[in-house]
Amino acid sequence: MQRTQSSLPGRLARANPTTVFLVTLVLVLVAFFTPGVAGGLLTLLLAAGMAALLVTTWSVQTPQTRVIRLLVLTLLITAGLVKLL
C-alpha cells in the first residue's frame, strides 16, 4: 500500500503528544550535548526533520505559528552550523 502525503497529517494527529515531546526532547539533548561534528550533524538532521514536518503541516497552521516554527527552524540550523565550525 502506497502512502500519500495527504495521509501523513492524519497520522500525525493520532500521535501521542507526550511521547512525541519526550522523544524529541531526548533527540535534541543528545544532539546538543554530542561534541564536535557529530553533534552538528545530528542537529542539522533534526532541522531537516523539522523542515519536512513544517512543509507537511504548512497549510493547516496559522500565520503566527508559521512564523514561530520558521524562527525555531532558523535557530536549529544556526546551532547545527555553529557546532560544525
C-alpha atoms as a PDB file:
ATOM      1  CA  MET A   1       0.000   0.000   0.000  1.00  0.00           C
ATOM      2  CA  GLN A   2       1.456   3.327  -1.025  1.00  0.00           C
ATOM      3  CA  ARG A   3       1.299   6.181   1.458  1.00  0.00           C
ATOM      4  CA  THR A   4       0.351   9.579   0.210  1.00  0.00           C
ATOM      5  CA  GLN A   5       1.367  12.897   1.688  1.00  0.00           C
ATOM      6  CA  SER A   6      -2.289  13.674   2.418  1.00  0.00           C
ATOM      7  CA  SER A   7      -2.495  10.766   4.880  1.00  0.00           C
ATOM      8  CA  LEU A   8       0.502  11.983   6.874  1.00  0.00           C
ATOM      9  CA  PRO A   9      -1.267  14.864   8.693  1.00  0.00           C
ATOM     10  CA  GLY A  10      -3.942  12.413   9.834  1.00  0.00           C
ATOM     11  CA  ARG A  11      -1.294  10.079  11.196  1.00  0.00           C
ATOM     12  CA  LEU A  12       0.443  12.972  12.913  1.00  0.00           C
ATOM     13  CA  ALA A  13      -2.811  13.974  14.586  1.00  0.00           C
ATOM     14  CA  ARG A  14      -3.142  10.476  16.069  1.00  0.00           C
ATOM     15  CA  ALA A  15       0.371  10.530  17.588  1.00  0.00           C
ATOM     16  CA  ASN A  16       0.571  10.703  21.374  1.00  0.00           C
ATOM     17  CA  PRO A  17       1.738  14.281  22.131  1.00  0.00           C
ATOM     18  CA  THR A  18       3.578  13.300  25.324  1.00  0.00           C
ATOM     19  CA  THR A  19       5.536  10.567  23.571  1.00  0.00           C
ATOM     20  CA  VAL A  20       6.384  12.833  20.641  1.00  0.00           C
ATOM     21  CA  PHE A  21       7.555  15.557  23.044  1.00  0.00           C
ATOM     22  CA  LEU A  22       9.725  13.210  25.110  1.00  0.00           C
ATOM     23  CA  VAL A  23      11.333  11.542  22.081  1.00  0.00           C
ATOM     24  CA  THR A  24      12.037  14.933  20.522  1.00  0.00           C
ATOM     25  CA  LEU A  25      13.467  16.250  23.786  1.00  0.00           C
ATOM     26  CA  VAL A  26      15.832  13.295  24.061  1.00  0.00           C
ATOM     27  CA  LEU A  27      16.958  13.700  20.441  1.00  0.00           C
ATOM     28  CA  VAL A  28      17.584  17.436  20.885  1.00  0.00           C
ATOM     29  CA  LEU A  29      19.537  16.912  24.113  1.00  0.00           C
ATOM     30  CA  VAL A  30      21.667  14.180  22.542  1.00  0.00           C
ATOM     31  CA  ALA A  31      22.352  16.392  19.512  1.00  0.00           C
ATOM     32  CA  PHE A  32      23.211  19.444  21.639  1.00  0.00           C
ATOM     33  CA  PHE A  33      25.477  17.586  24.073  1.00  0.00           C
ATOM     34  CA  THR A  34      27.283  15.453  21.491  1.00  0.00           C
ATOM     35  CA  PRO A  35      30.545  17.276  20.836  1.00  0.00           C
ATOM     36  CA  GLY A  36      32.021  18.346  17.539  1.00  0.00           C
ATOM     37  CA  VAL A  37      30.975  17.402  14.052  1.00  0.00           C
ATOM     38  CA  ALA A  38      28.730  14.536  15.176  1.00  0.00           C
ATOM     39  CA  GLY A  39      26.632  16.893  17.305  1.00  0.00           C
ATOM     40  CA  GLY A  40      26.416  19.402  14.479  1.00  0.00           C
ATOM     41  CA  LEU A  41      25.300  16.754  12.015  1.00  0.00           C
ATOM     42  CA  LEU A  42      22.697  15.415  14.453  1.00  0.00           C
ATOM     43  CA  THR A  43      21.393  18.949  14.986  1.00  0.00           C
ATOM     44  CA  LEU A  44      21.156  19.536  11.238  1.00  0.00           C
ATOM     45  CA  LEU A  45      19.414  16.174  10.855  1.00  0.00           C
ATOM     46  CA  LEU A  46      16.824  17.298  13.412  1.00  0.00           C
ATOM     47  CA  ALA A  47      16.440  20.551  11.466  1.00  0.00           C
ATOM     48  CA  ALA A  48      15.819  18.562   8.277  1.00  0.00           C
ATOM     49  CA  GLY A  49      13.132  16.535  10.046  1.00  0.00           C
ATOM     50  CA  MET A  50      11.549  19.703  11.357  1.00  0.00           C
ATOM     51  CA  ALA A  51      11.625  21.249   7.882  1.00  0.00           C
ATOM     52  CA  ALA A  52       9.858  18.185   6.476  1.00  0.00           C
ATOM     53  CA  LEU A  53       7.230  18.433   9.210  1.00  0.00           C
ATOM     54  CA  LEU A  54       6.850  22.157   8.541  1.00  0.00           C
ATOM     55  CA  VAL A  55       6.254  21.560   4.833  1.00  0.00           C
ATOM     56  CA  THR A  56       3.740  18.793   5.569  1.00  0.00           C
ATOM     57  CA  THR A  57       1.687  20.832   8.033  1.00  0.00           C
ATOM     58  CA  TRP A  58       2.098  24.297   6.456  1.00  0.00           C
ATOM     59  CA  SER A  59      -1.440  24.536   5.082  1.00  0.00           C
ATOM     60  CA  VAL A  60      -3.131  23.875   8.435  1.00  0.00           C
ATOM     61  CA  GLN A  61      -1.051  26.288  10.528  1.00  0.00           C
ATOM     62  CA  THR A  62      -1.931  29.867  11.408  1.00  0.00           C
ATOM     63  CA  PRO A  63       0.418  32.626  10.223  1.00  0.00           C
ATOM     64  CA  GLN A  64       1.647  33.194  13.797  1.00  0.00           C
ATOM     65  CA  THR A  65       2.505  29.512  14.189  1.00  0.00           C
ATOM     66  CA  ARG A  66       4.320  29.531  10.852  1.00  0.00           C
ATOM     67  CA  VAL A  67       6.498  32.454  11.965  1.00  0.00           C
ATOM     68  CA  ILE A  68       7.373  30.757  15.258  1.00  0.00           C
ATOM     69  CA  ARG A  69       8.214  27.481  13.533  1.00  0.00           C
ATOM     70  CA  LEU A  70      10.383  29.245  10.956  1.00  0.00           C
ATOM     71  CA  LEU A  71      12.192  31.052  13.771  1.00  0.00           C
ATOM     72  CA  VAL A  72      12.836  27.796  15.646  1.00  0.00           C
ATOM     73  CA  LEU A  73      13.997  26.126  12.424  1.00  0.00           C
ATOM     74  CA  THR A  74      16.399  29.006  11.771  1.00  0.00           C
ATOM     75  CA  LEU A  75      17.796  28.770  15.301  1.00  0.00           C
ATOM     76  CA  LEU A  76      18.211  24.992  14.999  1.00  0.00           C
ATOM     77  CA  ILE A  77      20.064  25.312  11.696  1.00  0.00           C
ATOM     78  CA  THR A  78      22.262  28.060  13.163  1.00  0.00           C
ATOM     79  CA  ALA A  79      23.089  25.916  16.204  1.00  0.00           C
ATOM     80  CA  GLY A  80      23.977  22.984  13.948  1.00  0.00           C
ATOM     81  CA  LEU A  81      26.237  25.099  11.761  1.00  0.00           C
ATOM     82  CA  VAL A  82      27.945  26.645  14.804  1.00  0.00           C
ATOM     83  CA  LYS A  83      28.650  23.159  16.190  1.00  0.00           C
ATOM     84  CA  LEU A  84      30.165  22.136  12.857  1.00  0.00           C
ATOM     85  CA  LEU A  85      32.535  25.088  12.855  1.00  0.00           C
END
